[in-house]
């Protein structure tokens, strides 16, 4: 597998941002979400008290995958074999 070291920093930053977005989805109702978030509704809407748990789970999963990707990119490029 080819190591792309220039992708480590962006993957970590995107991973952390997505985990923060997941926390916002879990903690806020649909009416309290920032207006640029998918799922935001007005305070007068019938779904104003709804939490977007699936959006939070998706953001958390992709954020963790970005961090795992960055972790694997930091490994060494050569494999060592045990003598035996």
PDB file of N, CA and C in Angstrom:
ATOM      1  N   UNK A   1       0.839  -1.178   0.000  1.00  0.00           N
ATOM      2  CA  UNK A   1       0.000   0.000   0.000  1.00  0.00           C
ATOM      3  C   UNK A   1       0.885   1.242   0.000  1.00  0.00           C
ATOM      4  N   UNK A   2       0.562   2.192  -0.821  1.00  0.00           N
ATOM      5  CA  UNK A   2       1.328   3.415  -0.930  1.00  0.00           C
ATOM      6  C   UNK A   2       0.985   4.355   0.220  1.00  0.00           C
ATOM      7  N   UNK A   3       2.014   4.854   0.879  1.00  0.00           N
ATOM      8  CA  UNK A   3       1.815   5.808   1.966  1.00  0.00           C
ATOM      9  C   UNK A   3       1.781   7.212   1.393  1.00  0.00           C
ATOM     10  N   UNK A   4       0.772   7.975   1.747  1.00  0.00           N
ATOM     11  CA  UNK A   4       0.658   9.357   1.280  1.00  0.00           C
ATOM     12  C   UNK A   4       0.710  10.260   2.497  1.00  0.00           C
ATOM     13  N   UNK A   5       1.896  10.643   2.874  1.00  0.00           N
ATOM     14  CA  UNK A   5       2.110  11.422   4.094  1.00  0.00           C
ATOM     15  C   UNK A   5       1.481  12.808   4.032  1.00  0.00           C
ATOM     16  N   UNK A   6       1.268  13.347   2.831  1.00  0.00           N
ATOM     17  CA  UNK A   6       0.656  14.677   2.718  1.00  0.00           C
ATOM     18  C   UNK A   6      -0.830  14.653   3.069  1.00  0.00           C
ATOM     19  N   UNK A   7      -1.409  13.485   3.222  1.00  0.00           N
ATOM     20  CA  UNK A   7      -2.826  13.377   3.578  1.00  0.00           C
ATOM     21  C   UNK A   7      -3.065  13.219   5.075  1.00  0.00           C
ATOM     22  N   UNK A   8      -2.020  13.096   5.866  1.00  0.00           N
ATOM     23  CA  UNK A   8      -2.188  12.860   7.299  1.00  0.00           C
ATOM     24  C   UNK A   8      -2.844  14.039   7.987  1.00  0.00           C
ATOM     25  N   UNK A   9      -2.307  15.231   7.820  1.00  0.00           N
ATOM     26  CA  UNK A   9      -2.847  16.422   8.499  1.00  0.00           C
ATOM     27  C   UNK A   9      -4.288  16.708   8.070  1.00  0.00           C
ATOM     28  N   UNK A  10      -4.600  16.723   6.766  1.00  0.00           N
ATOM     29  CA  UNK A  10      -6.006  16.956   6.390  1.00  0.00           C
ATOM     30  C   UNK A  10      -6.952  15.886   6.931  1.00  0.00           C
ATOM     31  N   UNK A  11      -6.517  14.637   6.966  1.00  0.00           N
ATOM     32  CA  UNK A  11      -7.379  13.572   7.480  1.00  0.00           C
ATOM     33  C   UNK A  11      -7.651  13.753   8.973  1.00  0.00           C
ATOM     34  N   UNK A  12      -6.642  14.152   9.726  1.00  0.00           N
ATOM     35  CA  UNK A  12      -6.828  14.390  11.159  1.00  0.00           C
ATOM     36  C   UNK A  12      -7.762  15.580  11.383  1.00  0.00           C
ATOM     37  N   UNK A  13      -7.555  16.656  10.646  1.00  0.00           N
ATOM     38  CA  UNK A  13      -8.396  17.848  10.805  1.00  0.00           C
ATOM     39  C   UNK A  13      -9.848  17.532  10.444  1.00  0.00           C
ATOM     40  N   UNK A  14     -10.060  16.864   9.323  1.00  0.00           N
ATOM     41  CA  UNK A  14     -11.426  16.514   8.910  1.00  0.00           C
ATOM     42  C   UNK A  14     -12.052  15.555   9.916  1.00  0.00           C
ATOM     43  N   UNK A  15     -11.280  14.613  10.413  1.00  0.00           N
ATOM     44  CA  UNK A  15     -11.791  13.677  11.410  1.00  0.00           C
ATOM     45  C   UNK A  15     -12.252  14.376  12.680  1.00  0.00           C
ATOM     46  N   UNK A  16     -11.450  15.310  13.174  1.00  0.00           N
ATOM     47  CA  UNK A  16     -11.813  16.048  14.387  1.00  0.00           C
ATOM     48  C   UNK A  16     -13.034  16.923  14.144  1.00  0.00           C
ATOM     49  N   UNK A  17     -13.085  17.594  12.998  1.00  0.00           N
ATOM     50  CA  UNK A  17     -14.237  18.441  12.680  1.00  0.00           C
ATOM     51  C   UNK A  17     -15.515  17.606  12.607  1.00  0.00           C
ATOM     52  N   UNK A  18     -15.448  16.441  11.991  1.00  0.00           N
ATOM     53  CA  UNK A  18     -16.634  15.598  11.881  1.00  0.00           C
ATOM     54  C   UNK A  18     -17.075  15.043  13.236  1.00  0.00           C
ATOM     55  N   UNK A  19     -16.142  14.769  14.117  1.00  0.00           N
ATOM     56  CA  UNK A  19     -16.520  14.327  15.458  1.00  0.00           C
ATOM     57  C   UNK A  19     -17.209  15.458  16.214  1.00  0.00           C
ATOM     58  N   UNK A  20     -16.742  16.691  16.048  1.00  0.00           N
ATOM     59  CA  UNK A  20     -17.415  17.848  16.667  1.00  0.00           C
ATOM     60  C   UNK A  20     -18.817  18.015  16.082  1.00  0.00           C
ATOM     61  N   UNK A  21     -18.951  17.845  14.768  1.00  0.00           N
ATOM     62  CA  UNK A  21     -20.265  17.933  14.128  1.00  0.00           C
ATOM     63  C   UNK A  21     -21.190  16.857  14.693  1.00  0.00           C
ATOM     64  N   UNK A  22     -20.674  15.649  14.913  1.00  0.00           N
ATOM     65  CA  UNK A  22     -21.483  14.575  15.489  1.00  0.00           C
ATOM     66  C   UNK A  22     -21.974  14.945  16.877  1.00  0.00           C
ATOM     67  N   UNK A  23     -21.126  15.549  17.684  1.00  0.00           N
ATOM     68  CA  UNK A  23     -21.533  15.973  19.030  1.00  0.00           C
ATOM     69  C   UNK A  23     -22.625  17.033  18.942  1.00  0.00           C
ATOM     70  N   UNK A  24     -22.512  17.957  17.994  1.00  0.00           N
ATOM     71  CA  UNK A  24     -23.547  18.984  17.812  1.00  0.00           C
ATOM     72  C   UNK A  24     -24.866  18.327  17.427  1.00  0.00           C
ATOM     73  N   UNK A  25     -24.829  17.349  16.538  1.00  0.00           N
ATOM     74  CA  UNK A  25     -26.059  16.649  16.150  1.00  0.00           C
ATOM     75  C   UNK A  25     -26.678  15.914  17.336  1.00  0.00           C
ATOM     76  N   UNK A  26     -25.861  15.280  18.166  1.00  0.00           N
ATOM     77  CA  UNK A  26     -26.384  14.542  19.303  1.00  0.00           C
ATOM     78  C   UNK A  26     -26.940  15.473  20.378  1.00  0.00           C
ATOM     79  N   UNK A  27     -26.338  16.635  20.558  1.00  0.00           N
ATOM     80  CA  UNK A  27     -26.706  17.511  21.664  1.00  0.00           C
ATOM     81  C   UNK A  27     -27.790  18.524  21.325  1.00  0.00           C
ATOM     82  N   UNK A  28     -27.982  18.846  20.056  1.00  0.00           N
ATOM     83  CA  UNK A  28     -28.899  19.912  19.674  1.00  0.00           C
ATOM     84  C   UNK A  28     -30.150  19.364  19.006  1.00  0.00           C
ATOM     85  N   UNK A  29     -31.234  20.079  19.193  1.00  0.00           N
ATOM     86  CA  UNK A  29     -32.463  19.740  18.478  1.00  0.00           C
ATOM     87  C   UNK A  29     -32.387  20.310  17.066  1.00  0.00           C
ATOM     88  N   UNK A  30     -33.332  19.920  16.233  1.00  0.00           N
ATOM     89  CA  UNK A  30     -33.317  20.363  14.836  1.00  0.00           C
ATOM     90  C   UNK A  30     -33.443  21.877  14.731  1.00  0.00           C
ATOM     91  N   UNK A  31     -34.180  22.488  15.641  1.00  0.00           N
ATOM     92  CA  UNK A  31     -34.342  23.942  15.604  1.00  0.00           C
ATOM     93  C   UNK A  31     -33.090  24.667  16.085  1.00  0.00           C
ATOM     94  N   UNK A  32     -32.272  24.009  16.915  1.00  0.00           N
ATOM     95  CA  UNK A  32     -31.074  24.656  17.447  1.00  0.00           C
ATOM     96  C   UNK A  32     -29.835  24.446  16.593  1.00  0.00           C
ATOM     97  N   UNK A  33     -29.931  23.608  15.569  1.00  0.00           N
ATOM     98  CA  UNK A  33     -28.775  23.386  14.707  1.00  0.00           C
ATOM     99  C   UNK A  33     -28.422  24.660  13.952  1.00  0.00           C
ATOM    100  N   UNK A  34     -27.147  24.851  13.647  1.00  0.00           N
ATOM    101  CA  UNK A  34     -26.786  25.972  12.785  1.00  0.00           C
ATOM    102  C   UNK A  34     -27.508  25.854  11.448  1.00  0.00           C
ATOM    103  N   UNK A  35     -27.819  26.966  10.842  1.00  0.00           N
ATOM    104  CA  UNK A  35     -28.648  26.952   9.631  1.00  0.00           C
ATOM    105  C   UNK A  35     -27.982  26.271   8.443  1.00  0.00           C
ATOM    106  N   UNK A  36     -26.662  26.136   8.451  1.00  0.00           N
ATOM    107  CA  UNK A  36     -25.992  25.482   7.326  1.00  0.00           C
ATOM    108  C   UNK A  36     -25.879  23.966   7.506  1.00  0.00           C
ATOM    109  N   UNK A  37     -26.342  23.435   8.644  1.00  0.00           N
ATOM    110  CA  UNK A  37     -26.338  21.994   8.864  1.00  0.00           C
ATOM    111  C   UNK A  37     -27.548  21.362   8.186  1.00  0.00           C
ATOM    112  N   UNK A  38     -27.382  20.215   7.529  1.00  0.00           N
ATOM    113  CA  UNK A  38     -28.543  19.502   7.007  1.00  0.00           C
ATOM    114  C   UNK A  38     -29.444  19.069   8.175  1.00  0.00           C
ATOM    115  N   UNK A  39     -30.731  19.256   8.025  1.00  0.00           N
ATOM    116  CA  UNK A  39     -31.668  18.883   9.064  1.00  0.00           C
ATOM    117  C   UNK A  39     -32.158  20.044   9.902  1.00  0.00           C
ATOM    118  N   UNK A  40     -31.610  21.235   9.676  1.00  0.00           N
ATOM    119  CA  UNK A  40     -32.057  22.412  10.412  1.00  0.00           C
ATOM    120  C   UNK A  40     -33.484  22.754  10.003  1.00  0.00           C
ATOM    121  N   UNK A  41     -34.344  23.030  11.002  1.00  0.00           N
ATOM    122  CA  UNK A  41     -35.718  23.468  10.738  1.00  0.00           C
ATOM    123  C   UNK A  41     -35.992  24.696  11.591  1.00  0.00           C
ATOM    124  N   UNK A  42     -37.023  25.425  11.234  1.00  0.00           N
ATOM    125  CA  UNK A  42     -37.408  26.598  11.997  1.00  0.00           C
ATOM    126  C   UNK A  42     -38.014  26.206  13.337  1.00  0.00           C
ATOM    127  N   UNK A  43     -38.050  27.153  14.251  1.00  0.00           N
ATOM    128  CA  UNK A  43     -38.560  26.884  15.599  1.00  0.00           C
ATOM    129  C   UNK A  43     -40.044  26.546  15.587  1.00  0.00           C
ATOM    130  N   UNK A  44     -40.792  27.012  14.604  1.00  0.00           N
ATOM    131  CA  UNK A  44     -42.218  26.743  14.541  1.00  0.00           C
ATOM    132  C   UNK A  44     -42.574  25.433  13.870  1.00  0.00           C
ATOM    133  N   UNK A  45     -41.600  24.705  13.393  1.00  0.00           N
ATOM    134  CA  UNK A  45     -41.849  23.455  12.681  1.00  0.00           C
ATOM    135  C   UNK A  45     -42.276  22.351  13.643  1.00  0.00           C
ATOM    136  N   UNK A  46     -42.981  21.375  13.110  1.00  0.00           N
ATOM    137  CA  UNK A  46     -43.416  20.240  13.927  1.00  0.00           C
ATOM    138  C   UNK A  46     -42.233  19.378  14.369  1.00  0.00           C
ATOM    139  N   UNK A  47     -41.136  19.434  13.643  1.00  0.00           N
ATOM    140  CA  UNK A  47     -39.951  18.640  13.979  1.00  0.00           C
ATOM    141  C   UNK A  47     -38.900  19.447  14.726  1.00  0.00           C
ATOM    142  N   UNK A  48     -39.268  20.538  15.359  1.00  0.00           N
ATOM    143  CA  UNK A  48     -38.300  21.412  16.019  1.00  0.00           C
ATOM    144  C   UNK A  48     -37.591  20.723  17.182  1.00  0.00           C
ATOM    145  N   UNK A  49     -38.267  19.800  17.863  1.00  0.00           N
ATOM    146  CA  UNK A  49     -37.675  19.125  19.019  1.00  0.00           C
ATOM    147  C   UNK A  49     -36.977  17.821  18.639  1.00  0.00           C
ATOM    148  N   UNK A  50     -36.925  17.514  17.362  1.00  0.00           N
ATOM    149  CA  UNK A  50     -36.345  16.267  16.874  1.00  0.00           C
ATOM    150  C   UNK A  50     -34.821  16.338  16.908  1.00  0.00           C
ATOM    151  N   UNK A  51     -34.176  15.243  17.322  1.00  0.00           N
ATOM    152  CA  UNK A  51     -32.715  15.126  17.257  1.00  0.00           C
ATOM    153  C   UNK A  51     -32.363  14.287  16.035  1.00  0.00           C
ATOM    154  N   UNK A  52     -31.335  14.696  15.307  1.00  0.00           N
ATOM    155  CA  UNK A  52     -30.914  13.975  14.105  1.00  0.00           C
ATOM    156  C   UNK A  52     -29.811  12.989  14.462  1.00  0.00           C
ATOM    157  N   UNK A  53     -30.213  11.899  15.095  1.00  0.00           N
ATOM    158  CA  UNK A  53     -29.263  10.901  15.570  1.00  0.00           C
ATOM    159  C   UNK A  53     -28.529  10.219  14.421  1.00  0.00           C
ATOM    160  N   UNK A  54     -29.222   9.920  13.334  1.00  0.00           N
ATOM    161  CA  UNK A  54     -28.575   9.248  12.199  1.00  0.00           C
ATOM    162  C   UNK A  54     -27.503  10.131  11.571  1.00  0.00           C
ATOM    163  N   UNK A  55     -27.758  11.433  11.498  1.00  0.00           N
ATOM    164  CA  UNK A  55     -26.732  12.353  10.985  1.00  0.00           C
ATOM    165  C   UNK A  55     -25.505  12.325  11.904  1.00  0.00           C
ATOM    166  N   UNK A  56     -25.756  12.289  13.205  1.00  0.00           N
ATOM    167  CA  UNK A  56     -24.656  12.239  14.171  1.00  0.00           C
ATOM    168  C   UNK A  56     -23.857  10.957  14.062  1.00  0.00           C
ATOM    169  N   UNK A  57     -24.548   9.835  13.900  1.00  0.00           N
ATOM    170  CA  UNK A  57     -23.855   8.551  13.766  1.00  0.00           C
ATOM    171  C   UNK A  57     -23.009   8.537  12.495  1.00  0.00           C
ATOM    172  N   UNK A  58     -23.557   9.054  11.403  1.00  0.00           N
ATOM    173  CA  UNK A  58     -22.812   9.091  10.136  1.00  0.00           C
ATOM    174  C   UNK A  58     -21.580   9.988  10.253  1.00  0.00           C
ATOM    175  N   UNK A  59     -21.737  11.159  10.850  1.00  0.00           N
ATOM    176  CA  UNK A  59     -20.594  12.063  11.009  1.00  0.00           C
ATOM    177  C   UNK A  59     -19.535  11.448  11.914  1.00  0.00           C
ATOM    178  N   UNK A  60     -19.963  10.777  12.980  1.00  0.00           N
ATOM    179  CA  UNK A  60     -19.019  10.124  13.891  1.00  0.00           C
ATOM    180  C   UNK A  60     -18.277   8.995  13.186  1.00  0.00           C
ATOM    181  N   UNK A  61     -18.988   8.188  12.410  1.00  0.00           N
ATOM    182  CA  UNK A  61     -18.354   7.069  11.713  1.00  0.00           C
ATOM    183  C   UNK A  61     -17.329   7.556  10.688  1.00  0.00           C
ATOM    184  N   UNK A  62     -17.686   8.553   9.904  1.00  0.00           N
ATOM    185  CA  UNK A  62     -16.751   9.062   8.885  1.00  0.00           C
ATOM    186  C   UNK A  62     -15.566   9.760   9.565  1.00  0.00           C
ATOM    187  N   UNK A  63     -15.818  10.470  10.657  1.00  0.00           N
ATOM    188  CA  UNK A  63     -14.729  11.111  11.390  1.00  0.00           C
ATOM    189  C   UNK A  63     -13.747  10.099  11.945  1.00  0.00           C
ATOM    190  N   UNK A  64     -14.261   9.011  12.513  1.00  0.00           N
ATOM    191  CA  UNK A  64     -13.376   7.969  13.032  1.00  0.00           C
ATOM    192  C   UNK A  64     -12.617   7.273  11.903  1.00  0.00           C
ATOM    193  N   UNK A  65     -13.269   7.076  10.767  1.00  0.00           N
ATOM    194  CA  UNK A  65     -12.577   6.481   9.618  1.00  0.00           C
ATOM    195  C   UNK A  65     -11.441   7.372   9.123  1.00  0.00           C
ATOM    196  N   UNK A  66     -11.646   8.674   9.142  1.00  0.00           N
ATOM    197  CA  UNK A  66     -10.573   9.604   8.752  1.00  0.00           C
ATOM    198  C   UNK A  66      -9.391   9.495   9.709  1.00  0.00           C
ATOM    199  N   UNK A  67      -9.668   9.379  11.006  1.00  0.00           N
ATOM    200  CA  UNK A  67      -8.586   9.250  11.982  1.00  0.00           C
ATOM    201  C   UNK A  67      -7.857   7.918  11.833  1.00  0.00           C
ATOM    202  N   UNK A  68      -8.586   6.848  11.544  1.00  0.00           N
ATOM    203  CA  UNK A  68      -7.955   5.544  11.315  1.00  0.00           C
ATOM    204  C   UNK A  68      -7.089   5.594  10.055  1.00  0.00           C
ATOM    205  N   UNK A  69      -7.591   6.226   9.009  1.00  0.00           N
ATOM    206  CA  UNK A  69      -6.808   6.387   7.783  1.00  0.00           C
ATOM    207  C   UNK A  69      -5.500   7.132   8.079  1.00  0.00           C
ATOM    208  N   UNK A  70      -5.586   8.222   8.832  1.00  0.00           N
ATOM    209  CA  UNK A  70      -4.381   8.987   9.169  1.00  0.00           C
ATOM    210  C   UNK A  70      -3.413   8.146  10.001  1.00  0.00           C
ATOM    211  N   UNK A  71      -3.951   7.340  10.895  1.00  0.00           N
ATOM    212  CA  UNK A  71      -3.109   6.489  11.727  1.00  0.00           C
ATOM    213  C   UNK A  71      -2.340   5.482  10.869  1.00  0.00           C
ATOM    214  N   UNK A  72      -3.028   4.858   9.912  1.00  0.00           N
ATOM    215  CA  UNK A  72      -2.347   3.901   9.046  1.00  0.00           C
ATOM    216  C   UNK A  72      -1.331   4.576   8.136  1.00  0.00           C
ATOM    217  N   UNK A  73      -1.535   5.825   7.785  1.00  0.00           N
ATOM    218  CA  UNK A  73      -0.584   6.538   6.933  1.00  0.00           C
ATOM    219  C   UNK A  73       0.687   6.906   7.687  1.00  0.00           C
ATOM    220  N   UNK A  74       0.651   6.914   9.011  1.00  0.00           N
ATOM    221  CA  UNK A  74       1.836   7.282   9.787  1.00  0.00           C
ATOM    222  C   UNK A  74       2.769   6.106  10.015  1.00  0.00           C
ATOM    223  N   UNK A  75       2.360   4.909   9.664  1.00  0.00           N
ATOM    224  CA  UNK A  75       3.190   3.725   9.878  1.00  0.00           C
ATOM    225  C   UNK A  75       4.400   3.721   8.985  1.00  0.00           C
ATOM    226  N   UNK A  76       5.305   2.800   9.282  1.00  0.00           N
ATOM    227  CA  UNK A  76       6.514   2.707   8.473  1.00  0.00           C
ATOM    228  C   UNK A  76       6.177   2.127   7.096  1.00  0.00           C
ATOM    229  N   UNK A  77       7.044   2.418   6.138  1.00  0.00           N
ATOM    230  CA  UNK A  77       6.790   1.974   4.768  1.00  0.00           C
ATOM    231  C   UNK A  77       7.379   0.600   4.499  1.00  0.00           C
ATOM    232  N   UNK A  78       8.285   0.143   5.340  1.00  0.00           N
ATOM    233  CA  UNK A  78       8.897  -1.164   5.116  1.00  0.00           C
ATOM    234  C   UNK A  78       8.382  -2.163   6.141  1.00  0.00           C
ATOM    235  N   UNK A  79       8.275  -3.395   5.686  1.00  0.00           N
ATOM    236  CA  UNK A  79       7.854  -4.459   6.599  1.00  0.00           C
ATOM    237  C   UNK A  79       9.088  -5.207   7.087  1.00  0.00           C
ATOM    238  N   UNK A  80       9.076  -5.489   8.350  1.00  0.00           N
ATOM    239  CA  UNK A  80      10.175  -6.303   8.899  1.00  0.00           C
ATOM    240  C   UNK A  80       9.638  -7.684   9.171  1.00  0.00           C
ATOM    241  N   UNK A  81      10.451  -8.659   8.846  1.00  0.00           N
ATOM    242  CA  UNK A  81      10.066 -10.043   9.087  1.00  0.00           C
ATOM    243  C   UNK A  81      10.830 -10.585  10.275  1.00  0.00           C
ATOM    244  N   UNK A  82      10.136 -11.350  11.052  1.00  0.00           N
ATOM    245  CA  UNK A  82      10.790 -11.964  12.209  1.00  0.00           C
ATOM    246  C   UNK A  82      11.668 -13.120  11.732  1.00  0.00           C
ATOM    247  N   UNK A  83      12.849 -13.158  12.273  1.00  0.00           N
ATOM    248  CA  UNK A  83      13.769 -14.244  11.907  1.00  0.00           C
ATOM    249  C   UNK A  83      13.343 -15.506  12.639  1.00  0.00           C
ATOM    250  N   UNK A  84      13.327 -16.577  11.946  1.00  0.00           N
ATOM    251  CA  UNK A  84      12.927 -17.741  12.697  1.00  0.00           C
ATOM    252  C   UNK A  84      12.914 -18.936  11.949  1.00  0.00           C
TER     253      UNK A  84
END
